[in-house]
Amino acid sequence: MPTDPMLPWVIPENCEGCADCVSACRRGCLAMHATAREGVYVPWLDDVGACTGCGRCEVTCTWGAISMTAYVENARRRFAEKRPSCAPIPARVD
């Protein structure tokens, strides 16, 4: 259960696929997932229960593709029901 009443909300249209948000997540909750469009990847919260709502992913995203939301139940439902159908790809290692 998140300790903070916020969860990230991914805005795929703004995502450039850099995976900086994935690297910023200290709990490893985010992963990049392929979308239906070839070569297009977006971050997705695979383990909603592990997310503490710290906001590091939002702060790190220079493209504005992640916004923290207080609509936690809506976010949980979205991450569970609208997950990209492809398997996650490994985060880049710098």
PDB file of N, CA and C in Angstrom:
ATOM      1  N   MET A   1       0.830  -1.184   0.000  1.00  0.00           N
ATOM      2  CA  MET A   1       0.000   0.000   0.000  1.00  0.00           C
ATOM      3  C   MET A   1       0.880   1.255   0.000  1.00  0.00           C
ATOM      4  N   PRO A   2       0.612   2.213  -0.882  1.00  0.00           N
ATOM      5  CA  PRO A   2       1.426   3.417  -0.913  1.00  0.00           C
ATOM      6  C   PRO A   2       1.338   4.164   0.419  1.00  0.00           C
ATOM      7  N   THR A   3       2.447   4.744   0.848  1.00  0.00           N
ATOM      8  CA  THR A   3       2.445   5.506   2.080  1.00  0.00           C
ATOM      9  C   THR A   3       2.018   6.951   1.831  1.00  0.00           C
ATOM     10  N   ASP A   4       2.006   7.377   0.595  1.00  0.00           N
ATOM     11  CA  ASP A   4       1.609   8.718   0.217  1.00  0.00           C
ATOM     12  C   ASP A   4       0.366   8.593  -0.665  1.00  0.00           C
ATOM     13  N   PRO A   5      -0.629   9.483  -0.500  1.00  0.00           N
ATOM     14  CA  PRO A   5      -1.853   9.335  -1.282  1.00  0.00           C
ATOM     15  C   PRO A   5      -1.738   9.837  -2.716  1.00  0.00           C
ATOM     16  N   MET A   6      -0.624   9.544  -3.366  1.00  0.00           N
ATOM     17  CA  MET A   6      -0.413   9.950  -4.754  1.00  0.00           C
ATOM     18  C   MET A   6       0.181   8.775  -5.524  1.00  0.00           C
ATOM     19  N   LEU A   7      -0.145   8.725  -6.803  1.00  0.00           N
ATOM     20  CA  LEU A   7       0.459   7.751  -7.712  1.00  0.00           C
ATOM     21  C   LEU A   7       0.802   8.467  -9.015  1.00  0.00           C
ATOM     22  N   PRO A   8       1.781   7.964  -9.750  1.00  0.00           N
ATOM     23  CA  PRO A   8       2.093   8.574 -11.041  1.00  0.00           C
ATOM     24  C   PRO A   8       0.996   8.284 -12.059  1.00  0.00           C
ATOM     25  N   TRP A   9       0.770   9.245 -12.926  1.00  0.00           N
ATOM     26  CA  TRP A   9      -0.171   9.090 -14.040  1.00  0.00           C
ATOM     27  C   TRP A   9       0.647   9.296 -15.307  1.00  0.00           C
ATOM     28  N   VAL A  10       0.751   8.265 -16.112  1.00  0.00           N
ATOM     29  CA  VAL A  10       1.559   8.331 -17.331  1.00  0.00           C
ATOM     30  C   VAL A  10       0.729   8.950 -18.457  1.00  0.00           C
ATOM     31  N   ILE A  11       1.327   9.908 -19.145  1.00  0.00           N
ATOM     32  CA  ILE A  11       0.697  10.560 -20.296  1.00  0.00           C
ATOM     33  C   ILE A  11       1.495  10.139 -21.525  1.00  0.00           C
ATOM     34  N   PRO A  12       1.099   9.010 -22.155  1.00  0.00           N
ATOM     35  CA  PRO A  12       1.889   8.428 -23.246  1.00  0.00           C
ATOM     36  C   PRO A  12       2.201   9.388 -24.393  1.00  0.00           C
ATOM     37  N   GLU A  13       1.295  10.291 -24.696  1.00  0.00           N
ATOM     38  CA  GLU A  13       1.502  11.217 -25.804  1.00  0.00           C
ATOM     39  C   GLU A  13       2.706  12.125 -25.582  1.00  0.00           C
ATOM     40  N   ASN A  14       3.064  12.359 -24.327  1.00  0.00           N
ATOM     41  CA  ASN A  14       4.193  13.238 -24.011  1.00  0.00           C
ATOM     42  C   ASN A  14       5.510  12.493 -23.862  1.00  0.00           C
ATOM     43  N   CYS A  15       5.455  11.173 -23.795  1.00  0.00           N
ATOM     44  CA  CYS A  15       6.644  10.368 -23.507  1.00  0.00           C
ATOM     45  C   CYS A  15       7.563  10.252 -24.728  1.00  0.00           C
ATOM     46  N   GLU A  16       8.840  10.475 -24.491  1.00  0.00           N
ATOM     47  CA  GLU A  16       9.858  10.333 -25.532  1.00  0.00           C
ATOM     48  C   GLU A  16      10.573   8.992 -25.446  1.00  0.00           C
ATOM     49  N   GLY A  17      10.220   8.176 -24.449  1.00  0.00           N
ATOM     50  CA  GLY A  17      10.806   6.839 -24.328  1.00  0.00           C
ATOM     51  C   GLY A  17      12.221   6.799 -23.793  1.00  0.00           C
ATOM     52  N   CYS A  18      12.643   7.825 -23.076  1.00  0.00           N
ATOM     53  CA  CYS A  18      14.030   7.885 -22.588  1.00  0.00           C
ATOM     54  C   CYS A  18      14.289   6.976 -21.389  1.00  0.00           C
ATOM     55  N   ALA A  19      13.270   6.604 -20.656  1.00  0.00           N
ATOM     56  CA  ALA A  19      13.351   5.725 -19.484  1.00  0.00           C
ATOM     57  C   ALA A  19      14.043   6.363 -18.282  1.00  0.00           C
ATOM     58  N   ASP A  20      14.197   7.681 -18.275  1.00  0.00           N
ATOM     59  CA  ASP A  20      14.781   8.345 -17.112  1.00  0.00           C
ATOM     60  C   ASP A  20      13.928   8.117 -15.873  1.00  0.00           C
ATOM     61  N   CYS A  21      12.623   8.089 -16.035  1.00  0.00           N
ATOM     62  CA  CYS A  21      11.717   7.863 -14.906  1.00  0.00           C
ATOM     63  C   CYS A  21      11.920   6.469 -14.313  1.00  0.00           C
ATOM     64  N   VAL A  22      12.160   5.501 -15.173  1.00  0.00           N
ATOM     65  CA  VAL A  22      12.394   4.124 -14.725  1.00  0.00           C
ATOM     66  C   VAL A  22      13.672   4.078 -13.894  1.00  0.00           C
ATOM     67  N   SER A  23      14.701   4.748 -14.369  1.00  0.00           N
ATOM     68  CA  SER A  23      15.974   4.786 -13.645  1.00  0.00           C
ATOM     69  C   SER A  23      15.847   5.531 -12.320  1.00  0.00           C
ATOM     70  N   ALA A  24      14.964   6.522 -12.262  1.00  0.00           N
ATOM     71  CA  ALA A  24      14.801   7.334 -11.047  1.00  0.00           C
ATOM     72  C   ALA A  24      14.046   6.605  -9.949  1.00  0.00           C
ATOM     73  N   CYS A  25      13.263   5.610 -10.300  1.00  0.00           N
ATOM     74  CA  CYS A  25      12.442   4.908  -9.308  1.00  0.00           C
ATOM     75  C   CYS A  25      13.316   4.002  -8.442  1.00  0.00           C
ATOM     76  N   ARG A  26      13.456   4.370  -7.201  1.00  0.00           N
ATOM     77  CA  ARG A  26      14.302   3.603  -6.280  1.00  0.00           C
ATOM     78  C   ARG A  26      13.691   2.255  -5.900  1.00  0.00           C
ATOM     79  N   ARG A  27      12.401   2.111  -6.068  1.00  0.00           N
ATOM     80  CA  ARG A  27      11.734   0.863  -5.698  1.00  0.00           C
ATOM     81  C   ARG A  27      11.562  -0.082  -6.885  1.00  0.00           C
ATOM     82  N   GLY A  28      11.933   0.364  -8.079  1.00  0.00           N
ATOM     83  CA  GLY A  28      11.828  -0.487  -9.264  1.00  0.00           C
ATOM     84  C   GLY A  28      10.401  -0.773  -9.694  1.00  0.00           C
ATOM     85  N   CYS A  29       9.514   0.160  -9.428  1.00  0.00           N
ATOM     86  CA  CYS A  29       8.094  -0.034  -9.749  1.00  0.00           C
ATOM     87  C   CYS A  29       7.778   0.176 -11.227  1.00  0.00           C
ATOM     88  N   LEU A  30       8.517   1.072 -11.872  1.00  0.00           N
ATOM     89  CA  LEU A  30       8.261   1.404 -13.274  1.00  0.00           C
ATOM     90  C   LEU A  30       9.103   0.544 -14.205  1.00  0.00           C
ATOM     91  N   ALA A  31       8.529   0.239 -15.354  1.00  0.00           N
ATOM     92  CA  ALA A  31       9.242  -0.470 -16.418  1.00  0.00           C
ATOM     93  C   ALA A  31       8.769   0.099 -17.744  1.00  0.00           C
ATOM     94  N   MET A  32       9.643   0.074 -18.736  1.00  0.00           N
ATOM     95  CA  MET A  32       9.250   0.511 -20.074  1.00  0.00           C
ATOM     96  C   MET A  32       8.550  -0.647 -20.774  1.00  0.00           C
ATOM     97  N   HIS A  33       7.427  -0.341 -21.417  1.00  0.00           N
ATOM     98  CA  HIS A  33       6.652  -1.339 -22.134  1.00  0.00           C
ATOM     99  C   HIS A  33       6.472  -0.917 -23.583  1.00  0.00           C
ATOM    100  N   ALA A  34       6.558  -1.886 -24.470  1.00  0.00           N
ATOM    101  CA  ALA A  34       6.271  -1.626 -25.880  1.00  0.00           C
ATOM    102  C   ALA A  34       4.781  -1.356 -26.022  1.00  0.00           C
ATOM    103  N   THR A  35       4.438  -0.515 -26.963  1.00  0.00           N
ATOM    104  CA  THR A  35       3.033  -0.221 -27.240  1.00  0.00           C
ATOM    105  C   THR A  35       2.641  -0.897 -28.558  1.00  0.00           C
ATOM    106  N   ALA A  36       1.422  -0.674 -28.986  1.00  0.00           N
ATOM    107  CA  ALA A  36       0.946  -1.241 -30.249  1.00  0.00           C
ATOM    108  C   ALA A  36       1.690  -0.634 -31.444  1.00  0.00           C
ATOM    109  N   ARG A  37       2.289   0.532 -31.248  1.00  0.00           N
ATOM    110  CA  ARG A  37       3.069   1.169 -32.322  1.00  0.00           C
ATOM    111  C   ARG A  37       4.512   0.698 -32.237  1.00  0.00           C
ATOM    112  N   GLU A  38       5.000   0.133 -33.306  1.00  0.00           N
ATOM    113  CA  GLU A  38       6.358  -0.420 -33.330  1.00  0.00           C
ATOM    114  C   GLU A  38       7.396   0.633 -32.972  1.00  0.00           C
ATOM    115  N   GLY A  39       8.284   0.270 -32.047  1.00  0.00           N
ATOM    116  CA  GLY A  39       9.356   1.152 -31.643  1.00  0.00           C
ATOM    117  C   GLY A  39       8.970   2.215 -30.627  1.00  0.00           C
ATOM    118  N   VAL A  40       7.711   2.202 -30.176  1.00  0.00           N
ATOM    119  CA  VAL A  40       7.246   3.197 -29.205  1.00  0.00           C
ATOM    120  C   VAL A  40       7.079   2.512 -27.853  1.00  0.00           C
ATOM    121  N   TYR A  41       7.764   3.057 -26.849  1.00  0.00           N
ATOM    122  CA  TYR A  41       7.736   2.497 -25.500  1.00  0.00           C
ATOM    123  C   TYR A  41       7.271   3.556 -24.511  1.00  0.00           C
ATOM    124  N   VAL A  42       6.556   3.119 -23.491  1.00  0.00           N
ATOM    125  CA  VAL A  42       6.106   4.026 -22.442  1.00  0.00           C
ATOM    126  C   VAL A  42       6.369   3.402 -21.072  1.00  0.00           C
ATOM    127  N   PRO A  43       6.576   4.241 -20.055  1.00  0.00           N
ATOM    128  CA  PRO A  43       6.746   3.694 -18.713  1.00  0.00           C
ATOM    129  C   PRO A  43       5.404   3.221 -18.172  1.00  0.00           C
ATOM    130  N   TRP A  44       5.439   2.175 -17.391  1.00  0.00           N
ATOM    131  CA  TRP A  44       4.208   1.661 -16.798  1.00  0.00           C
ATOM    132  C   TRP A  44       4.505   1.171 -15.395  1.00  0.00           C
ATOM    133  N   LEU A  45       3.606   1.421 -14.496  1.00  0.00           N
ATOM    134  CA  LEU A  45       3.759   1.024 -13.102  1.00  0.00           C
ATOM    135  C   LEU A  45       3.317  -0.424 -12.967  1.00  0.00           C
ATOM    136  N   ASP A  46       4.292  -1.324 -12.948  1.00  0.00           N
ATOM    137  CA  ASP A  46       3.991  -2.756 -12.881  1.00  0.00           C
ATOM    138  C   ASP A  46       3.570  -3.206 -11.492  1.00  0.00           C
ATOM    139  N   ASP A  47       4.142  -2.609 -10.470  1.00  0.00           N
ATOM    140  CA  ASP A  47       3.835  -3.014  -9.101  1.00  0.00           C
ATOM    141  C   ASP A  47       3.270  -1.814  -8.350  1.00  0.00           C
ATOM    142  N   VAL A  48       1.979  -1.589  -8.532  1.00  0.00           N
ATOM    143  CA  VAL A  48       1.320  -0.423  -7.940  1.00  0.00           C
ATOM    144  C   VAL A  48       1.465  -0.423  -6.425  1.00  0.00           C
ATOM    145  N   GLY A  49       1.380  -1.588  -5.819  1.00  0.00           N
ATOM    146  CA  GLY A  49       1.465  -1.685  -4.367  1.00  0.00           C
ATOM    147  C   GLY A  49       2.817  -1.298  -3.801  1.00  0.00           C
ATOM    148  N   ALA A  50       3.865  -1.381  -4.597  1.00  0.00           N
ATOM    149  CA  ALA A  50       5.209  -1.042  -4.127  1.00  0.00           C
ATOM    150  C   ALA A  50       5.504   0.453  -4.249  1.00  0.00           C
ATOM    151  N   CYS A  51       4.702   1.166  -5.023  1.00  0.00           N
ATOM    152  CA  CYS A  51       4.928   2.597  -5.234  1.00  0.00           C
ATOM    153  C   CYS A  51       4.583   3.369  -3.964  1.00  0.00           C
ATOM    154  N   THR A  52       5.512   4.223  -3.531  1.00  0.00           N
ATOM    155  CA  THR A  52       5.280   5.037  -2.339  1.00  0.00           C
ATOM    156  C   THR A  52       4.758   6.428  -2.678  1.00  0.00           C
ATOM    157  N   GLY A  53       4.662   6.743  -3.958  1.00  0.00           N
ATOM    158  CA  GLY A  53       4.190   8.065  -4.352  1.00  0.00           C
ATOM    159  C   GLY A  53       5.203   9.162  -4.104  1.00  0.00           C
ATOM    160  N   CYS A  54       6.491   8.816  -4.143  1.00  0.00           N
ATOM    161  CA  CYS A  54       7.547   9.789  -3.829  1.00  0.00           C
ATOM    162  C   CYS A  54       7.650  10.908  -4.869  1.00  0.00           C
ATOM    163  N   GLY A  55       7.279  10.617  -6.116  1.00  0.00           N
ATOM    164  CA  GLY A  55       7.304  11.629  -7.163  1.00  0.00           C
ATOM    165  C   GLY A  55       8.615  11.783  -7.903  1.00  0.00           C
ATOM    166  N   ARG A  56       9.604  10.937  -7.607  1.00  0.00           N
ATOM    167  CA  ARG A  56      10.893  11.034  -8.310  1.00  0.00           C
ATOM    168  C   ARG A  56      10.719  10.863  -9.817  1.00  0.00           C
ATOM    169  N   CYS A  57       9.815  10.007 -10.223  1.00  0.00           N
ATOM    170  CA  CYS A  57       9.576   9.782 -11.655  1.00  0.00           C
ATOM    171  C   CYS A  57       9.052  11.060 -12.318  1.00  0.00           C
ATOM    172  N   GLU A  58       8.151  11.737 -11.652  1.00  0.00           N
ATOM    173  CA  GLU A  58       7.583  12.978 -12.195  1.00  0.00           C
ATOM    174  C   GLU A  58       8.646  14.069 -12.298  1.00  0.00           C
ATOM    175  N   VAL A  59       9.437  14.239 -11.253  1.00  0.00           N
ATOM    176  CA  VAL A  59      10.471  15.269 -11.229  1.00  0.00           C
ATOM    177  C   VAL A  59      11.522  15.017 -12.311  1.00  0.00           C
ATOM    178  N   THR A  60      11.850  13.756 -12.532  1.00  0.00           N
ATOM    179  CA  THR A  60      12.883  13.390 -13.496  1.00  0.00           C
ATOM    180  C   THR A  60      12.430  13.580 -14.939  1.00  0.00           C
ATOM    181  N   CYS A  61      11.135  13.438 -15.181  1.00  0.00           N
ATOM    182  CA  CYS A  61      10.616  13.509 -16.560  1.00  0.00           C
ATOM    183  C   CYS A  61      10.595  14.947 -17.066  1.00  0.00           C
ATOM    184  N   THR A  62      11.521  15.247 -17.973  1.00  0.00           N
ATOM    185  CA  THR A  62      11.593  16.596 -18.535  1.00  0.00           C
ATOM    186  C   THR A  62      10.540  16.838 -19.610  1.00  0.00           C
ATOM    187  N   TRP A  63       9.860  15.781 -20.029  1.00  0.00           N
ATOM    188  CA  TRP A  63       8.859  15.894 -21.092  1.00  0.00           C
ATOM    189  C   TRP A  63       7.445  16.067 -20.558  1.00  0.00           C
ATOM    190  N   GLY A  64       7.271  15.966 -19.247  1.00  0.00           N
ATOM    191  CA  GLY A  64       5.932  16.117 -18.674  1.00  0.00           C
ATOM    192  C   GLY A  64       5.030  14.923 -18.936  1.00  0.00           C
ATOM    193  N   ALA A  65       5.640  13.762 -19.095  1.00  0.00           N
ATOM    194  CA  ALA A  65       4.858  12.558 -19.404  1.00  0.00           C
ATOM    195  C   ALA A  65       4.359  11.840 -18.149  1.00  0.00           C
ATOM    196  N   ILE A  66       4.777  12.301 -16.978  1.00  0.00           N
ATOM    197  CA  ILE A  66       4.298  11.721 -15.724  1.00  0.00           C
ATOM    198  C   ILE A  66       3.849  12.848 -14.819  1.00  0.00           C
ATOM    199  N   SER A  67       2.660  12.683 -14.298  1.00  0.00           N
ATOM    200  CA  SER A  67       2.106  13.651 -13.366  1.00  0.00           C
ATOM    201  C   SER A  67       1.580  12.884 -12.162  1.00  0.00           C
ATOM    202  N   MET A  68       1.894  13.339 -10.976  1.00  0.00           N
ATOM    203  CA  MET A  68       1.389  12.662  -9.780  1.00  0.00           C
ATOM    204  C   MET A  68      -0.087  13.020  -9.608  1.00  0.00           C
ATOM    205  N   THR A  69      -0.885  12.020  -9.271  1.00  0.00           N
ATOM    206  CA  THR A  69      -2.317  12.230  -9.108  1.00  0.00           C
ATOM    207  C   THR A  69      -2.790  11.751  -7.739  1.00  0.00           C
ATOM    208  N   ALA A  70      -3.759  12.471  -7.202  1.00  0.00           N
ATOM    209  CA  ALA A  70      -4.384  12.065  -5.939  1.00  0.00           C
ATOM    210  C   ALA A  70      -5.546  11.112  -6.202  1.00  0.00           C
ATOM    211  N   TYR A  71      -5.891  10.904  -7.467  1.00  0.00           N
ATOM    212  CA  TYR A  71      -6.955   9.963  -7.828  1.00  0.00           C
ATOM    213  C   TYR A  71      -6.365   8.558  -7.870  1.00  0.00           C
ATOM    214  N   VAL A  72      -5.970   8.095  -6.708  1.00  0.00           N
ATOM    215  CA  VAL A  72      -5.228   6.852  -6.575  1.00  0.00           C
ATOM    216  C   VAL A  72      -6.007   5.648  -7.097  1.00  0.00           C
ATOM    217  N   GLU A  73      -7.260   5.538  -6.765  1.00  0.00           N
ATOM    218  CA  GLU A  73      -8.041   4.380  -7.222  1.00  0.00           C
ATOM    219  C   GLU A  73      -8.175   4.365  -8.738  1.00  0.00           C
ATOM    220  N   ASN A  74      -8.373   5.530  -9.340  1.00  0.00           N
ATOM    221  CA  ASN A  74      -8.429   5.602 -10.805  1.00  0.00           C
ATOM    222  C   ASN A  74      -7.096   5.179 -11.411  1.00  0.00           C
ATOM    223  N   ALA A  75      -6.005   5.620 -10.813  1.00  0.00           N
ATOM    224  CA  ALA A  75      -4.674   5.262 -11.307  1.00  0.00           C
ATOM    225  C   ALA A  75      -4.432   3.760 -11.159  1.00  0.00           C
ATOM    226  N   ARG A  76      -4.783   3.190 -10.011  1.00  0.00           N
ATOM    227  CA  ARG A  76      -4.616   1.741  -9.811  1.00  0.00           C
ATOM    228  C   ARG A  76      -5.379   0.948 -10.869  1.00  0.00           C
ATOM    229  N   ARG A  77      -6.621   1.351 -11.105  1.00  0.00           N
ATOM    230  CA  ARG A  77      -7.458   0.660 -12.091  1.00  0.00           C
ATOM    231  C   ARG A  77      -6.845   0.785 -13.490  1.00  0.00           C
ATOM    232  N   ARG A  78      -6.378   1.974 -13.822  1.00  0.00           N
ATOM    233  CA  ARG A  78      -5.787   2.193 -15.147  1.00  0.00           C
ATOM    234  C   ARG A  78      -4.532   1.343 -15.338  1.00  0.00           C
ATOM    235  N   PHE A  79      -3.646   1.308 -14.335  1.00  0.00           N
ATOM    236  CA  PHE A  79      -2.431   0.513 -14.468  1.00  0.00           C
ATOM    237  C   PHE A  79      -2.749  -0.975 -14.584  1.00  0.00           C
ATOM    238  N   ALA A  80      -3.802  -1.424 -13.950  1.00  0.00           N
ATOM    239  CA  ALA A  80      -4.171  -2.839 -14.005  1.00  0.00           C
ATOM    240  C   ALA A  80      -4.882  -3.202 -15.307  1.00  0.00           C
ATOM    241  N   GLU A  81      -5.757  -2.329 -15.780  1.00  0.00           N
ATOM    242  CA  GLU A  81      -6.618  -2.660 -16.920  1.00  0.00           C
ATOM    243  C   GLU A  81      -6.083  -2.218 -18.278  1.00  0.00           C
ATOM    244  N   LYS A  82      -5.242  -1.224 -18.330  1.00  0.00           N
ATOM    245  CA  LYS A  82      -4.798  -0.679 -19.616  1.00  0.00           C
ATOM    246  C   LYS A  82      -3.319  -0.879 -19.871  1.00  0.00           C
ATOM    247  N   ARG A  83      -2.741  -1.831 -19.178  1.00  0.00           N
ATOM    248  CA  ARG A  83      -1.319  -2.133 -19.333  1.00  0.00           C
ATOM    249  C   ARG A  83      -1.014  -2.475 -20.795  1.00  0.00           C
ATOM    250  N   PRO A  84       0.083  -1.939 -21.330  1.00  0.00           N
ATOM    251  CA  PRO A  84       0.475  -2.327 -22.692  1.00  0.00           C
ATOM    252  C   PRO A  84       0.610  -3.848 -22.773  1.00  0.00           C
ATOM    253  N   SER A  85       0.226  -4.414 -23.896  1.00  0.00           N
ATOM    254  CA  SER A  85       0.166  -5.871 -24.025  1.00  0.00           C
ATOM    255  C   SER A  85       1.526  -6.533 -24.203  1.00  0.00           C
ATOM    256  N   CYS A  86       2.531  -5.776 -24.553  1.00  0.00           N
ATOM    257  CA  CYS A  86       3.852  -6.372 -24.756  1.00  0.00           C
ATOM    258  C   CYS A  86       4.613  -6.464 -23.446  1.00  0.00           C
ATOM    259  N   ALA A  87       5.592  -7.322 -23.411  1.00  0.00           N
ATOM    260  CA  ALA A  87       6.420  -7.512 -22.217  1.00  0.00           C
ATOM    261  C   ALA A  87       7.282  -6.279 -21.979  1.00  0.00           C
ATOM    262  N   PRO A  88       7.624  -6.018 -20.719  1.00  0.00           N
ATOM    263  CA  PRO A  88       8.505  -4.885 -20.441  1.00  0.00           C
ATOM    264  C   PRO A  88       9.897  -5.107 -20.993  1.00  0.00           C
ATOM    265  N   ILE A  89      10.557  -4.013 -21.320  1.00  0.00           N
ATOM    266  CA  ILE A  89      11.943  -4.097 -21.769  1.00  0.00           C
ATOM    267  C   ILE A  89      12.839  -3.697 -20.611  1.00  0.00           C
ATOM    268  N   PRO A  90      14.058  -4.162 -20.558  1.00  0.00           N
ATOM    269  CA  PRO A  90      14.950  -3.796 -19.453  1.00  0.00           C
ATOM    270  C   PRO A  90      15.229  -2.293 -19.453  1.00  0.00           C
ATOM    271  N   ALA A  91      15.374  -1.715 -18.270  1.00  0.00           N
ATOM    272  CA  ALA A  91      15.744  -0.307 -18.161  1.00  0.00           C
ATOM    273  C   ALA A  91      17.160  -0.132 -18.673  1.00  0.00           C
ATOM    274  N   ARG A  92      17.437   1.018 -19.236  1.00  0.00           N
ATOM    275  CA  ARG A  92      18.793   1.267 -19.724  1.00  0.00           C
ATOM    276  C   ARG A  92      19.722   1.419 -18.535  1.00  0.00           C
ATOM    277  N   VAL A  93      20.936   1.033 -18.746  1.00  0.00           N
ATOM    278  CA  VAL A  93      21.950   1.123 -17.698  1.00  0.00           C
ATOM    279  C   VAL A  93      22.992   2.126 -18.153  1.00  0.00           C
ATOM    280  N   ASP A  94      23.141   3.182 -17.374  1.00  0.00           N
ATOM    281  CA  ASP A  94      24.125   4.229 -17.724  1.00  0.00           C
ATOM    282  C   ASP A  94      25.450   3.940 -17.101  1.00  0.00           C
TER     283      ASP A  94
END
